[in-house]
Every structure is written in structure tokens, then in C-alpha cells.
Amino acid sequence: MSKTNAKNESSREKSVAEEGPFGKYNPPIDVSFVRAVDDDMSTNILPKTPGETVENNRWLDSYSENLGINVTYDWTVKGGYADDTYKQKMNLTLSSGDLPDVIKVDATTLKQLAQSGEIEDLTEVWNEYASDFAKETYAGEGDSVLNSAKVDGKLMAIPEMDSSLESAQYIWIRKDWLDKLGLDAPTTMQELLKISEAFTTGDPDGNGEDDTYGLALTKDFYSGWGGSEGFFAGYHAYPNIWVEKDGKLQYGSVQPEVKTALSALADMYKKGEIDKEFGIKEGSIVAEMVASGKVGIDFGEQWNPMYPLISNYNNDENANWISYPLVSIDDEQAKVPLKFRTQLYYAVRKGFDYPEVPVKMANQFLETNWGEDSEFGYYYMPQEIDNVGVWKFSPVTPHQATKNLDVFNAIEEARKNGTQSELEGEAKVVNDNVEGFLAGDKVQWGWEKIYGIEGAFKKMQGYQENGLLLYDSFVGAPTETMVEKRATLEKMEKEVFIKIIMGEAPIDDFDKFVEDYYKLGGENITKEVNDWKDSL
């Protein structure tokens, strides 16, 4: 008898669970998982939680006590779920046929398992067992999160929901440089271009040397900091995501608006507003330029004050980085492109008697951290142990799409009402950090830049209220041609775009890139993406 069959046999004495999304199993059931143990867990969380281990901790106790679910691990590996170590161990597990009861996989592996008939269809399980709060949470990005786990129209896993809102970019600008040069904050792309030029030629650091740049860019090109997506958006160009156009899904990087934005970046590069070597520089090297006060504009996500901008502040307390909303080249407002962030999924091996387990665990994880009776301060980020993320002890960790924005909204409301002392959970933790900076704790600088009165999430409010959020339209598993060709196509895209910006290729090479993209697999990919859309 194979191990998989043995698992099936061992579960024949079925436990009976109470009804509902939080129904407890009696007698308790053992449920096997596998997991990665990242550096944060090894070097930060475990040292600050003596007596707890990956296999024995507050979250596993909670699942046992409240749901009658005893979590076990068939194996653990050091590193993250995207690391080769986890993927290699996972491949060995898949080839052996000895799957754990619940298996955490990426979209490609999920599709393979579904098509080979090795995992359960969870469509009805979700409908029956998901709590109202879980359903509300998973609908935070419309249908996209659940759709990402569908294969041939069936829900084949529970997504480990992550927030696409967090991929929104802002224009981070050194306000102290604006003030020194007598410039106002930008409201149009034309004004931003003038600011970039002034930051390059106007000696904003006052050292009498020509050694500053307007815009930070890295060789990664599409990046959470020093990225380009927010700049492209100012020209109504949305590379690196799929957009709906004329009723069909189209790849944003091959749309004509991209050519216009590339031309503008090439002009900035020619004027010396972008580092001449950006095309070969890692983000860490460009971060050193930021730290030393040589760059004044950064298109990046809300967390940029935590890295790398705080390094500039640590070296120069006058460095006042402020977030501004994306600007447009014309009267049409710039949309804010959002890359789909949910990347991992909880699948259930075929034949497991309790396929609803990951749904119930997701229910409890969400309710415990953000529900009406939240115990955030014990189960998510306890303040008494430096706010370490003990939530990682849980093998199931979906997050709300609007979690951080909700925190900002709660803090803002408390500021208006004078009720900050009544804040609870994550809002209290974050507000304490913001207030700490205002009281003189310079370590908390980043928190104020993100959650302060005019922090990044104040701009996110505006994005949302004005209907400017543009979600990635393709959220499915990589298509057959994507698996074969995407790496080559993405490499070609970055190489061509960077060469155009650096003046090593003419702007009309963009048109050749579009032709080559479709010839080398893009045409098939576009068809497959639209077939996926039609299957929903």
C-alpha cells in the first residue's frame, strides 16, 4: 500500500464536526502540511518567542483548541516558498505521489495537479464552509482572487490572498529639494519633468557640483522601488500587466502608449536626469545613491520609506521624502496599475476526508486577526516582543486586500475624533509608531511617511475614491505558451526598453519589439489568456 493510500485508510474512522464555518472536529483530526521556514522566522520570530517552535506554537494550539485540527508537517525546509530549495523538495514530493493532506503550491503547480487529477475540487467546499467575513475578504478584489485558483472553471485551491493594492506606486519626492529650488509639488507630468530637470541641474544638495539625478531607476525596471510603472502610467501606458481593450485582454507592454513614455525616458536620460549606468545597476547599488542624497524622485510602493528612503534620512535629517499621487501628461487622469499579488494556493490531495480544512483555517486566521473579536496583539504582531510577525506560525495565512488602508482609515478617523487612545489591534500598533516619531523617536520615521496625516495611504484614499485603480486583468496560472516562452519574452522586453532609454537603440525599435513579441509566442499567449477569460 502506498503512503497516499495509507493516509486514506487512516482517515476512514471519520471525525464528526459541528456545523458551520468554525465547526470543531470531534475527535480531533491530524492534518499534514509542508512548509518553508524563512530567515525572519529563524532569526527574528523564534528567538523572541521562547518555548515556541515551528511545530508547537500559539497558532497550532489555536487550531487544535478551536477547530479540533492538529497540524503536522511532513517536512520543512529553510528559505521562502519561492526559493529553489522549497521548489526542489516540492518536486520530489510530487514525483513520489506522497502528497500531504494540504499542500501549498504556486499557480503553475496548482494547474498541473488539477489537470492530473491529484487534488480535490473545492468549489462546493468554499460555498458551504467559508465564513461571511472570509467571503467578504476574498471579494476585496472582486472575483480575481478566487478566479486565480480556478482550472477549467473549478475552484481547485484556496488562495493565500495577498493585497494587490500594495503594488500601487506613488511619486516619492524630496520636498526639501522642492523648497530649496522654489518648486511646487507636481500636478501634471510636464511639471514633474521640470522638477526632474531642476533636481539634475539646480544643485539641490548645495555642494556646488553636478552630481545629482532627477529620477531613480534600476536594471530591474519593473520594481517596487526605483520602478517605472508609475511613470508609464502618466502616459496612459501600463506595461507588465494585462489590460482590457476592445473587449479582449491585451498585454500592456505592446500598446502604442508605451512608445511615447519610452521616448520621454530616453529624453531624460540624454539630459543626464537618469544615472548613465542604471541599466546594469542592482537596486542595492541605486539604494546607496539614494542614501548619499544623490536622487530626488522615486516611483515606488508605500513601503519605500522603510527601504531605501530612510537611509537617506538617517544620513541627513533634512531629507524630507513625501509621497504624491501619479500625474498625467494630459487632461485624462493617470490610472494606477496594480500587479496581481496572490501567488500561493492551498490545495487538498485527492481522497482526503476533510477537504474543508483549509477553508476553516482561513476563516479562523482572518477572524482572529481582523474580525470583531480580534486578538491581533497576540496572534499577529505582539507589541511586547517588538511587533514580530508571529502570524507566520500559522500554515494558512490569507490577508485582507485593504488591510493597510483600513488601518489608515481607522487612525484618520480617530485623529479627527480625538479617540486615538481607543484604537485597538493593528491600528493601535501603527498609530503608536507614528506618534512615537512625532514625539522624537527617529527610528519610526518611515511609519509617519506611510500612515501620517499626509502619508502614502492618504493618496491611496484618493486613488480609490476617484476610481483610478487598474487591476491586472489576467490572474490565472501561466498558460502553456507562457511556461515555454515568457522568460525569453520578458528578457527581450527589458533589454529593448532599456536600450531605447539609453540611446543604444532608436525609438522605432519599439515597433520591431511588438512584431517580435507576437511572432515569438505573444500571439499564442494572447489567445490562451483570452481563452482563460472565456472559461470563467
Protein backbone atom coordinates (compact mmCIF):
# COMPACT_ATOMS: atom_id res chain seq x y z
CA MET A 1 0.00 0.00 0.00
CA SER A 2 1.39 3.44 -0.94
CA LYS A 3 1.72 6.13 1.69
CA THR A 4 -1.01 8.12 -0.01
CA ASN A 5 -3.38 5.19 0.19
CA ALA A 6 -2.33 4.63 3.78
CA LYS A 7 -3.35 8.20 4.53
CA ASN A 8 -6.73 7.48 3.01
CA GLU A 9 -7.13 4.32 5.08
CA SER A 10 -6.03 6.00 8.31
CA SER A 11 -8.77 8.57 7.99
CA ARG A 12 -11.61 6.07 7.50
CA GLU A 13 -12.71 6.47 11.11
CA LYS A 14 -14.26 9.80 10.29
CA SER A 15 -14.44 12.53 12.84
CA VAL A 16 -17.67 14.46 13.10
CA ALA A 17 -17.52 18.25 13.03
CA GLU A 18 -20.00 20.71 14.40
CA GLU A 19 -21.86 22.57 11.69
CA GLY A 20 -20.75 25.90 10.30
CA PRO A 21 -17.56 27.67 9.20
CA PHE A 22 -15.92 27.15 12.60
CA GLY A 23 -17.25 23.67 13.35
CA LYS A 24 -14.88 21.72 15.62
CA TYR A 25 -13.89 18.12 14.83
CA ASN A 26 -14.60 15.53 17.50
CA PRO A 27 -12.43 13.57 17.91
CA PRO A 28 -9.67 15.88 16.63
CA ILE A 29 -8.11 15.15 13.26
CA ASP A 30 -4.47 15.16 12.19
CA VAL A 31 -3.79 17.20 9.05
CA SER A 32 -0.41 17.10 7.32
CA PHE A 33 1.21 20.10 5.64
CA VAL A 34 4.67 21.01 4.34
CA ARG A 35 6.26 24.41 4.82
CA ALA A 36 9.17 26.75 4.28
CA VAL A 37 10.88 28.42 7.25
CA ASP A 38 12.25 31.80 6.19
CA ASP A 39 15.02 33.89 7.73
CA ASP A 40 12.51 36.10 9.55
CA MET A 41 11.17 33.04 11.34
CA SER A 42 14.64 31.67 12.17
CA THR A 43 16.43 34.85 13.21
CA ASN A 44 13.66 37.12 14.45
CA ILE A 45 10.43 35.38 15.44
CA LEU A 46 11.70 32.22 17.13
CA PRO A 47 14.35 33.99 19.29
CA LYS A 48 11.63 36.32 20.62
CA THR A 49 9.08 33.57 21.33
CA PRO A 50 10.89 31.20 23.72
CA GLY A 51 9.08 27.91 24.22
CA GLU A 52 7.51 28.03 20.77
CA THR A 53 8.70 26.21 17.67
CA VAL A 54 7.52 25.83 14.09
CA GLU A 55 5.82 22.58 15.15
CA ASN A 56 4.48 23.79 18.52
CA ASN A 57 3.19 27.35 18.86
CA ARG A 58 0.24 29.62 19.61
CA TRP A 59 -1.34 29.25 16.18
CA LEU A 60 -1.21 25.47 16.09
CA ASP A 61 -2.61 25.42 19.64
CA SER A 62 -5.43 27.68 18.48
CA TYR A 63 -6.37 25.45 15.55
CA SER A 64 -6.32 22.43 17.85
CA GLU A 65 -8.38 24.04 20.61
CA ASN A 66 -10.93 25.82 18.43
CA LEU A 67 -11.27 23.59 15.38
CA GLY A 68 -10.02 20.20 16.52
CA ILE A 69 -7.31 20.31 13.83
CA ASN A 70 -3.87 19.01 14.80
CA VAL A 71 -1.34 20.31 12.29
CA THR A 72 1.67 18.15 11.45
CA TYR A 73 4.44 18.74 8.91
CA ASP A 74 5.70 16.01 6.59
CA TRP A 75 8.76 18.19 6.07
CA THR A 76 10.08 21.72 6.47
CA VAL A 77 12.88 23.48 4.59
CA LYS A 78 14.81 26.68 5.20
CA GLY A 79 14.02 29.62 2.94
CA GLY A 80 10.93 31.07 1.30
CA TYR A 81 8.20 29.44 -0.75
CA ALA A 82 9.61 31.00 -3.92
CA ASP A 83 13.12 29.68 -3.25
CA ASP A 84 14.64 26.81 -5.21
CA THR A 85 15.04 24.73 -2.03
CA TYR A 86 11.29 24.61 -1.45
CA LYS A 87 10.54 24.04 -5.12
CA GLN A 88 13.03 21.17 -5.37
CA LYS A 89 11.66 19.49 -2.24
CA MET A 90 8.14 20.00 -3.56
CA ASN A 91 9.04 18.40 -6.89
CA LEU A 92 10.35 15.33 -5.06
CA THR A 93 7.12 15.13 -3.09
CA LEU A 94 5.00 15.41 -6.22
CA SER A 95 7.00 12.79 -8.10
CA SER A 96 6.72 10.37 -5.16
CA GLY A 97 2.93 10.63 -5.12
CA ASP A 98 3.07 11.06 -1.35
CA LEU A 99 1.23 14.35 -1.03
CA PRO A 100 0.42 15.94 2.33
CA ASP A 101 -3.24 16.49 3.12
CA VAL A 102 -2.94 20.21 2.37
CA ILE A 103 -0.23 21.37 0.00
CA LYS A 104 0.95 24.93 -0.57
CA VAL A 105 1.83 25.47 -4.23
CA ASP A 106 2.27 28.16 -6.86
CA ALA A 107 -0.15 28.69 -9.74
CA THR A 108 1.80 26.56 -12.22
CA THR A 109 1.95 23.56 -9.87
CA LEU A 110 -1.70 24.02 -8.97
CA LYS A 111 -2.68 23.76 -12.61
CA GLN A 112 -0.56 20.64 -13.09
CA LEU A 113 -2.06 18.94 -10.02
CA ALA A 114 -5.58 19.81 -11.12
CA GLN A 115 -5.09 18.53 -14.65
CA SER A 116 -3.56 15.28 -13.39
CA GLY A 117 -6.48 14.68 -11.02
CA GLU A 118 -4.39 14.69 -7.83
CA ILE A 119 -6.32 17.32 -5.87
CA GLU A 120 -9.90 17.99 -4.79
CA ASP A 121 -12.37 20.36 -6.41
CA LEU A 122 -13.11 22.86 -3.61
CA THR A 123 -15.93 24.77 -5.32
CA GLU A 124 -18.73 23.41 -3.12
CA VAL A 125 -16.48 23.27 -0.05
CA TRP A 126 -15.86 27.01 -0.33
CA ASN A 127 -19.52 27.81 -0.84
CA GLU A 128 -20.54 25.73 2.19
CA TYR A 129 -17.79 26.45 4.71
CA ALA A 130 -16.36 29.91 4.02
CA SER A 131 -17.49 32.36 6.70
CA ASP A 132 -19.25 35.58 5.75
CA PHE A 133 -16.13 37.50 6.76
CA ALA A 134 -13.91 35.26 4.63
CA LYS A 135 -16.20 35.66 1.62
CA GLU A 136 -16.22 39.42 2.12
CA THR A 137 -12.43 39.45 2.43
CA TYR A 138 -11.84 37.34 -0.67
CA ALA A 139 -14.18 39.62 -2.62
CA GLY A 140 -11.93 42.57 -1.76
CA GLU A 141 -10.50 42.43 -5.29
CA GLY A 142 -13.71 41.40 -7.00
CA ASP A 143 -13.66 37.88 -8.42
CA SER A 144 -9.96 37.91 -9.28
CA VAL A 145 -8.56 36.13 -6.22
CA LEU A 146 -10.87 33.12 -6.42
CA ASN A 147 -10.65 33.13 -10.23
CA SER A 148 -6.88 32.77 -9.95
CA ALA A 149 -7.39 29.35 -8.32
CA LYS A 150 -9.81 28.08 -10.96
CA VAL A 151 -8.86 25.47 -13.52
CA ASP A 152 -11.45 24.78 -16.22
CA GLY A 153 -13.92 26.83 -14.20
CA LYS A 154 -13.49 24.80 -10.98
CA LEU A 155 -12.04 26.16 -7.73
CA MET A 156 -9.08 23.84 -7.20
CA ALA A 157 -7.48 25.53 -4.18
CA ILE A 158 -7.95 28.22 -1.56
CA PRO A 159 -5.76 31.21 -2.48
CA GLU A 160 -3.34 32.61 0.05
CA MET A 161 -4.80 36.03 -0.62
CA ASP A 162 -2.35 38.90 -0.77
CA SER A 163 -3.08 42.56 -1.45
CA SER A 164 -2.71 43.89 -4.99
CA LEU A 165 -3.35 47.37 -3.57
CA GLU A 166 0.14 47.23 -2.10
CA SER A 167 1.62 47.26 -5.61
CA ALA A 168 0.27 50.78 -6.22
CA GLN A 169 3.03 53.28 -6.91
CA TYR A 170 3.41 56.84 -5.70
CA ILE A 171 5.83 59.58 -6.70
CA TRP A 172 8.23 59.90 -3.78
CA ILE A 173 9.93 63.30 -3.98
CA ARG A 174 12.39 65.14 -1.77
CA LYS A 175 10.22 68.00 -0.56
CA ASP A 176 13.25 69.76 0.92
CA TRP A 177 14.73 69.94 -2.59
CA LEU A 178 11.47 71.33 -3.96
CA ASP A 179 11.52 74.01 -1.28
CA LYS A 180 15.17 74.87 -1.85
CA LEU A 181 14.60 75.35 -5.59
CA GLY A 182 11.30 77.20 -5.14
CA LEU A 183 9.23 74.49 -6.84
CA ASP A 184 5.70 73.33 -6.14
CA ALA A 185 4.58 69.70 -5.94
CA PRO A 186 3.73 68.30 -9.40
CA THR A 187 0.14 68.07 -10.60
CA THR A 188 0.98 67.19 -14.23
CA MET A 189 3.64 65.13 -15.98
CA GLN A 190 5.01 68.32 -17.54
CA GLU A 191 5.60 69.76 -14.07
CA LEU A 192 7.26 66.54 -12.91
CA LEU A 193 9.62 66.61 -15.89
CA LYS A 194 10.62 70.18 -14.98
CA ILE A 195 11.27 69.08 -11.40
CA SER A 196 13.47 66.23 -12.61
CA GLU A 197 15.47 68.65 -14.74
CA ALA A 198 15.82 71.10 -11.83
CA PHE A 199 16.96 68.34 -9.47
CA THR A 200 19.65 67.45 -12.03
CA THR A 201 20.88 70.94 -12.92
CA GLY A 202 19.95 73.12 -9.95
CA ASP A 203 22.42 71.76 -7.37
CA PRO A 204 19.69 70.83 -4.85
CA ASP A 205 22.24 69.38 -2.41
CA GLY A 206 24.14 72.68 -2.42
CA ASN A 207 27.62 71.23 -2.81
CA GLY A 208 28.41 73.18 -5.96
CA GLU A 209 28.92 70.02 -8.00
CA ASP A 210 26.98 68.46 -10.88
CA ASP A 211 26.33 65.18 -9.07
CA THR A 212 22.56 64.76 -8.60
CA TYR A 213 19.91 62.98 -10.62
CA GLY A 214 16.22 63.56 -11.05
CA LEU A 215 14.87 60.02 -11.28
CA ALA A 216 15.92 56.75 -9.65
CA LEU A 217 15.74 53.71 -11.92
CA THR A 218 17.22 50.22 -11.53
CA LYS A 219 18.03 47.49 -14.02
CA ASP A 220 15.00 45.57 -12.71
CA PHE A 221 12.91 48.28 -14.42
CA TYR A 222 9.60 46.96 -13.04
CA SER A 223 10.13 47.20 -9.32
CA GLY A 224 8.53 48.11 -6.02
CA TRP A 225 11.02 50.94 -5.67
CA GLY A 226 13.01 52.75 -8.33
CA GLY A 227 10.43 51.37 -10.74
CA SER A 228 8.99 52.67 -13.97
CA GLU A 229 5.34 51.64 -13.87
CA GLY A 230 4.14 54.87 -12.29
CA PHE A 231 6.00 56.93 -14.88
CA PHE A 232 4.48 54.94 -17.75
CA ALA A 233 1.04 55.41 -16.22
CA GLY A 234 1.44 59.15 -16.70
CA TYR A 235 1.29 58.45 -20.44
CA HIS A 236 -1.64 56.01 -20.06
CA ALA A 237 0.74 53.13 -20.68
CA TYR A 238 0.52 50.05 -18.48
CA PRO A 239 3.37 47.61 -19.18
CA ASN A 240 3.85 44.38 -17.28
CA ILE A 241 0.12 43.81 -16.71
CA TRP A 242 -2.79 42.65 -18.87
CA VAL A 243 -5.43 45.25 -19.72
CA GLU A 244 -8.85 45.01 -21.30
CA LYS A 245 -9.08 46.68 -24.70
CA ASP A 246 -11.90 46.37 -27.22
CA GLY A 247 -13.43 43.56 -25.19
CA LYS A 248 -10.25 41.46 -25.22
CA LEU A 249 -7.31 41.08 -22.86
CA GLN A 250 -4.12 42.60 -24.25
CA TYR A 251 -0.59 42.70 -22.89
CA GLY A 252 0.13 46.24 -21.71
CA SER A 253 3.77 46.31 -22.79
CA VAL A 254 2.96 46.16 -26.52
CA GLN A 255 0.45 49.00 -26.57
CA PRO A 256 1.38 52.19 -28.51
CA GLU A 257 1.31 54.44 -25.44
CA VAL A 258 4.40 52.63 -24.15
CA LYS A 259 6.42 54.03 -27.06
CA THR A 260 5.57 57.60 -26.06
CA ALA A 261 6.65 57.03 -22.46
CA LEU A 262 9.90 55.36 -23.58
CA SER A 263 10.67 58.39 -25.72
CA ALA A 264 10.21 60.66 -22.69
CA LEU A 265 12.51 58.49 -20.55
CA ALA A 266 15.11 58.48 -23.34
CA ASP A 267 15.00 62.28 -23.38
CA MET A 268 15.50 62.40 -19.60
CA TYR A 269 18.43 60.00 -19.87
CA LYS A 270 20.02 62.09 -22.62
CA LYS A 271 19.77 65.16 -20.37
CA GLY A 272 21.55 63.36 -17.54
CA GLU A 273 18.48 63.10 -15.30
CA ILE A 274 18.88 59.32 -15.00
CA ASP A 275 22.11 57.62 -13.96
CA LYS A 276 24.06 56.61 -17.08
CA GLU A 277 24.62 53.10 -15.68
CA PHE A 278 21.09 52.38 -14.43
CA GLY A 279 20.71 49.55 -16.94
CA ILE A 280 23.34 47.45 -15.17
CA LYS A 281 22.85 48.57 -11.56
CA GLU A 282 21.14 46.38 -8.97
CA GLY A 283 18.59 48.00 -6.69
CA SER A 284 21.02 47.80 -3.78
CA ILE A 285 23.55 49.94 -5.66
CA VAL A 286 20.94 52.54 -6.59
CA ALA A 287 19.82 52.49 -2.95
CA GLU A 288 23.31 53.65 -1.99
CA MET A 289 22.84 56.66 -4.30
CA VAL A 290 19.59 57.45 -2.51
CA ALA A 291 21.27 57.07 0.88
CA SER A 292 24.01 59.50 -0.10
CA GLY A 293 21.48 62.11 -1.24
CA LYS A 294 22.05 61.98 -5.00
CA VAL A 295 18.50 61.28 -6.24
CA GLY A 296 15.28 63.23 -5.71
CA ILE A 297 12.43 61.27 -7.37
CA ASP A 298 11.41 57.64 -6.88
CA PHE A 299 8.40 55.83 -8.32
CA GLY A 300 7.67 53.21 -5.69
CA GLU A 301 5.25 51.48 -3.37
CA GLN A 302 4.02 52.58 0.04
CA TRP A 303 6.83 50.81 1.92
CA ASN A 304 9.65 52.82 0.29
CA PRO A 305 10.22 54.96 3.41
CA MET A 306 11.22 51.74 5.21
CA TYR A 307 13.70 50.97 2.41
CA PRO A 308 15.62 52.67 0.94
CA LEU A 309 14.44 56.21 1.73
CA ILE A 310 15.04 56.02 5.49
CA SER A 311 18.75 55.50 4.78
CA ASN A 312 18.80 58.99 3.24
CA TYR A 313 17.03 60.41 6.32
CA ASN A 314 19.47 58.63 8.64
CA ASN A 315 22.34 60.37 6.87
CA ASP A 316 20.58 63.72 6.51
CA GLU A 317 17.62 64.63 8.71
CA ASN A 318 16.69 67.38 6.25
CA ALA A 319 15.84 64.73 3.65
CA ASN A 320 12.07 65.03 3.59
CA TRP A 321 10.61 62.42 1.25
CA ILE A 322 6.90 62.94 0.59
CA SER A 323 4.53 60.78 -1.47
CA TYR A 324 2.48 62.36 -4.25
CA PRO A 325 -0.18 60.81 -6.50
CA LEU A 326 0.67 59.80 -10.05
CA VAL A 327 0.37 62.60 -12.61
CA SER A 328 -0.77 62.66 -16.24
CA ILE A 329 0.55 64.13 -19.47
CA ASP A 330 -2.94 65.37 -20.45
CA ASP A 331 -6.41 66.06 -19.03
CA GLU A 332 -7.17 62.36 -18.54
CA GLN A 333 -6.16 61.17 -15.06
CA ALA A 334 -3.47 58.52 -14.83
CA LYS A 335 -4.70 55.11 -13.75
CA VAL A 336 -2.75 53.32 -11.04
CA PRO A 337 -1.64 49.88 -12.29
CA LEU A 338 -1.87 47.06 -9.77
CA LYS A 339 0.09 43.86 -10.30
CA PHE A 340 -1.80 40.79 -9.06
CA ARG A 341 -0.14 39.77 -5.80
CA THR A 342 -1.75 36.45 -4.82
CA GLN A 343 0.89 33.85 -5.72
CA LEU A 344 0.35 30.80 -3.49
CA TYR A 345 -2.52 28.35 -3.02
CA TYR A 346 -3.69 25.69 -0.57
CA ALA A 347 -4.69 22.58 -2.49
CA VAL A 348 -6.13 19.41 -0.92
CA ARG A 349 -4.92 15.98 -2.00
CA LYS A 350 -7.47 13.80 -3.74
CA GLY A 351 -9.25 11.49 -1.31
CA PHE A 352 -8.69 13.50 1.88
CA ASP A 353 -11.79 13.11 4.01
CA TYR A 354 -11.84 16.71 5.21
CA PRO A 355 -11.31 18.95 2.16
CA GLU A 356 -12.88 21.87 4.03
CA VAL A 357 -9.90 22.13 6.41
CA PRO A 358 -8.02 24.98 4.66
CA VAL A 359 -11.29 26.92 4.40
CA LYS A 360 -11.94 26.61 8.14
CA MET A 361 -8.35 27.56 8.95
CA ALA A 362 -8.58 30.59 6.65
CA ASN A 363 -11.82 31.56 8.41
CA GLN A 364 -10.11 31.46 11.79
CA PHE A 365 -6.94 33.24 10.65
CA LEU A 366 -8.96 36.15 9.27
CA GLU A 367 -11.39 36.31 12.19
CA THR A 368 -8.66 36.13 14.84
CA ASN A 369 -6.61 38.92 13.30
CA TRP A 370 -9.22 41.30 11.86
CA GLY A 371 -12.67 40.15 12.96
CA GLU A 372 -14.95 41.76 15.53
CA ASP A 373 -13.21 39.95 18.39
CA SER A 374 -9.69 40.37 17.00
CA GLU A 375 -6.74 39.18 19.06
CA PHE A 376 -4.26 40.90 16.76
CA GLY A 377 -1.95 41.84 19.61
CA TYR A 378 -1.32 38.18 20.46
CA TYR A 379 -1.69 36.33 17.19
CA TYR A 380 -0.33 38.78 14.60
CA MET A 381 2.22 41.35 15.88
CA PRO A 382 2.62 41.45 19.68
CA GLN A 383 3.92 44.84 20.77
CA GLU A 384 5.64 43.41 23.83
CA ILE A 385 8.03 41.43 21.60
CA ASP A 386 8.85 44.22 19.14
CA ASN A 387 5.89 43.58 16.83
CA VAL A 388 7.42 40.44 15.32
CA GLY A 389 5.15 38.67 12.86
CA VAL A 390 4.02 35.65 14.87
CA TRP A 391 1.24 35.27 12.29
CA LYS A 392 3.82 33.32 10.29
CA PHE A 393 3.45 30.42 12.73
CA SER A 394 0.16 29.67 11.00
CA PRO A 395 0.39 27.37 7.96
CA VAL A 396 -2.58 29.21 6.40
CA THR A 397 -2.16 32.99 6.09
CA PRO A 398 -4.58 34.88 3.82
CA HIS A 399 -4.54 38.67 4.15
CA GLN A 400 -7.16 41.29 3.51
CA ALA A 401 -6.85 43.27 0.28
CA THR A 402 -7.45 46.55 2.10
CA LYS A 403 -5.80 45.68 5.43
CA ASN A 404 -3.30 48.55 5.50
CA LEU A 405 -5.71 51.07 4.03
CA ASP A 406 -8.28 50.06 6.65
CA VAL A 407 -5.68 50.71 9.33
CA PHE A 408 -5.01 54.18 7.96
CA ASN A 409 -8.73 54.94 7.76
CA ALA A 410 -9.22 53.89 11.38
CA ILE A 411 -6.31 56.06 12.52
CA GLU A 412 -7.51 59.04 10.47
CA GLU A 413 -11.00 58.75 11.97
CA ALA A 414 -9.51 58.57 15.47
CA ARG A 415 -7.40 61.67 14.79
CA LYS A 416 -10.49 63.60 13.77
CA ASN A 417 -12.48 62.43 16.78
CA GLY A 418 -9.70 62.60 19.35
CA THR A 419 -10.09 58.89 20.10
CA GLN A 420 -6.60 57.60 19.29
CA SER A 421 -6.31 56.14 22.79
CA GLU A 422 -9.22 53.83 21.95
CA LEU A 423 -7.59 52.27 18.89
CA GLU A 424 -7.11 48.52 19.01
CA GLY A 425 -5.28 45.81 17.13
CA GLU A 426 -3.08 46.73 14.19
CA ALA A 427 -4.37 50.31 14.12
CA LYS A 428 -3.09 50.83 17.68
CA VAL A 429 0.32 49.35 16.85
CA VAL A 430 0.75 51.53 13.77
CA ASN A 431 -0.57 54.68 15.45
CA ASP A 432 1.83 54.18 18.36
CA ASN A 433 4.70 54.06 15.87
CA VAL A 434 3.55 57.23 14.11
CA GLU A 435 3.09 59.05 17.41
CA GLY A 436 6.48 57.77 18.51
CA PHE A 437 8.14 59.55 15.60
CA LEU A 438 6.24 62.75 16.28
CA ALA A 439 7.46 62.55 19.88
CA GLY A 440 11.08 62.30 18.76
CA ASP A 441 11.76 58.61 18.01
CA LYS A 442 13.55 58.94 14.69
CA VAL A 443 13.55 55.17 14.14
CA GLN A 444 9.81 55.42 13.38
CA TRP A 445 10.28 57.92 10.50
CA GLY A 446 9.00 55.50 7.90
CA TRP A 447 5.73 54.84 9.72
CA GLU A 448 4.86 58.55 9.67
CA LYS A 449 5.64 58.80 5.95
CA ILE A 450 3.27 55.91 5.23
CA TYR A 451 0.48 56.36 7.80
CA GLY A 452 0.86 60.01 8.80
CA ILE A 453 -1.73 62.71 8.11
CA GLU A 454 -0.35 63.19 4.59
CA GLY A 455 1.23 59.75 4.27
CA ALA A 456 1.08 57.39 1.31
CA PHE A 457 -2.27 55.93 2.32
CA LYS A 458 -3.85 59.37 2.20
CA LYS A 459 -3.01 59.30 -1.50
CA MET A 460 -4.36 55.76 -1.75
CA GLN A 461 -7.67 57.12 -0.47
CA GLY A 462 -7.68 59.47 -3.44
CA TYR A 463 -6.80 56.69 -5.88
CA GLN A 464 -9.72 54.66 -4.60
CA GLU A 465 -12.25 57.47 -4.32
CA ASN A 466 -11.51 58.65 -7.87
CA GLY A 467 -11.76 55.19 -9.41
CA LEU A 468 -8.15 55.20 -10.56
CA LEU A 469 -7.12 51.67 -9.57
CA LEU A 470 -6.35 49.49 -12.60
CA TYR A 471 -6.15 45.81 -11.65
CA ASP A 472 -4.20 43.28 -13.69
CA SER A 473 -6.83 41.60 -15.88
CA PHE A 474 -5.11 38.21 -16.15
CA VAL A 475 -4.80 36.37 -12.85
CA GLY A 476 -4.78 32.75 -13.99
CA ALA A 477 -1.98 30.20 -13.92
CA PRO A 478 0.68 30.67 -16.60
CA THR A 479 -0.61 29.38 -19.91
CA GLU A 480 1.15 26.65 -21.88
CA THR A 481 2.99 29.11 -24.10
CA MET A 482 3.81 31.36 -21.13
CA VAL A 483 5.59 28.46 -19.45
CA GLU A 484 7.66 27.91 -22.60
CA LYS A 485 8.23 31.46 -23.81
CA ARG A 486 7.55 34.05 -21.12
CA ALA A 487 11.07 34.19 -19.68
CA THR A 488 12.51 34.82 -23.15
CA LEU A 489 9.87 37.44 -23.99
CA GLU A 490 10.33 39.28 -20.69
CA LYS A 491 14.12 39.33 -21.14
CA MET A 492 13.70 40.72 -24.65
CA GLU A 493 11.25 43.36 -23.41
CA LYS A 494 13.55 44.73 -20.72
CA GLU A 495 16.59 44.66 -22.99
CA VAL A 496 14.83 46.57 -25.78
CA PHE A 497 13.24 49.11 -23.44
CA ILE A 498 16.50 49.82 -21.59
CA LYS A 499 18.46 50.14 -24.85
CA ILE A 500 15.91 52.64 -26.17
CA ILE A 501 16.14 54.70 -22.98
CA MET A 502 19.94 54.64 -23.00
CA GLY A 503 20.08 55.72 -26.64
CA GLU A 504 21.59 52.43 -27.77
CA ALA A 505 18.56 51.71 -29.98
CA PRO A 506 16.22 54.07 -31.88
CA ILE A 507 12.71 54.63 -30.59
CA ASP A 508 11.27 52.83 -33.62
CA ASP A 509 12.81 49.60 -32.33
CA PHE A 510 9.73 49.50 -30.12
CA ASP A 511 7.66 48.67 -33.22
CA LYS A 512 10.03 45.83 -34.07
CA PHE A 513 9.77 44.61 -30.47
CA VAL A 514 5.98 44.43 -30.79
CA GLU A 515 6.29 42.41 -34.01
CA ASP A 516 8.85 40.08 -32.45
CA TYR A 517 6.75 39.68 -29.30
CA TYR A 518 3.80 38.34 -31.28
CA LYS A 519 5.98 36.17 -33.55
CA LEU A 520 7.92 34.59 -30.68
CA GLY A 521 4.90 33.44 -28.70
CA GLY A 522 2.91 36.53 -27.82
CA GLU A 523 0.18 35.76 -30.33
CA ASN A 524 -0.44 32.32 -28.79
CA ILE A 525 -0.22 33.73 -25.27
CA THR A 526 -2.82 36.38 -26.07
CA LYS A 527 -5.17 33.71 -27.42
CA GLU A 528 -4.62 31.48 -24.37
CA VAL A 529 -5.20 34.38 -21.96
CA ASN A 530 -8.49 35.19 -23.65
CA ASP A 531 -9.49 31.51 -23.63
CA TRP A 532 -8.91 31.58 -19.86
CA LYS A 533 -11.09 34.68 -19.58
CA ASP A 534 -13.86 32.98 -21.55
CA SER A 535 -13.70 29.88 -19.30
CA LEU A 536 -14.66 31.76 -16.15
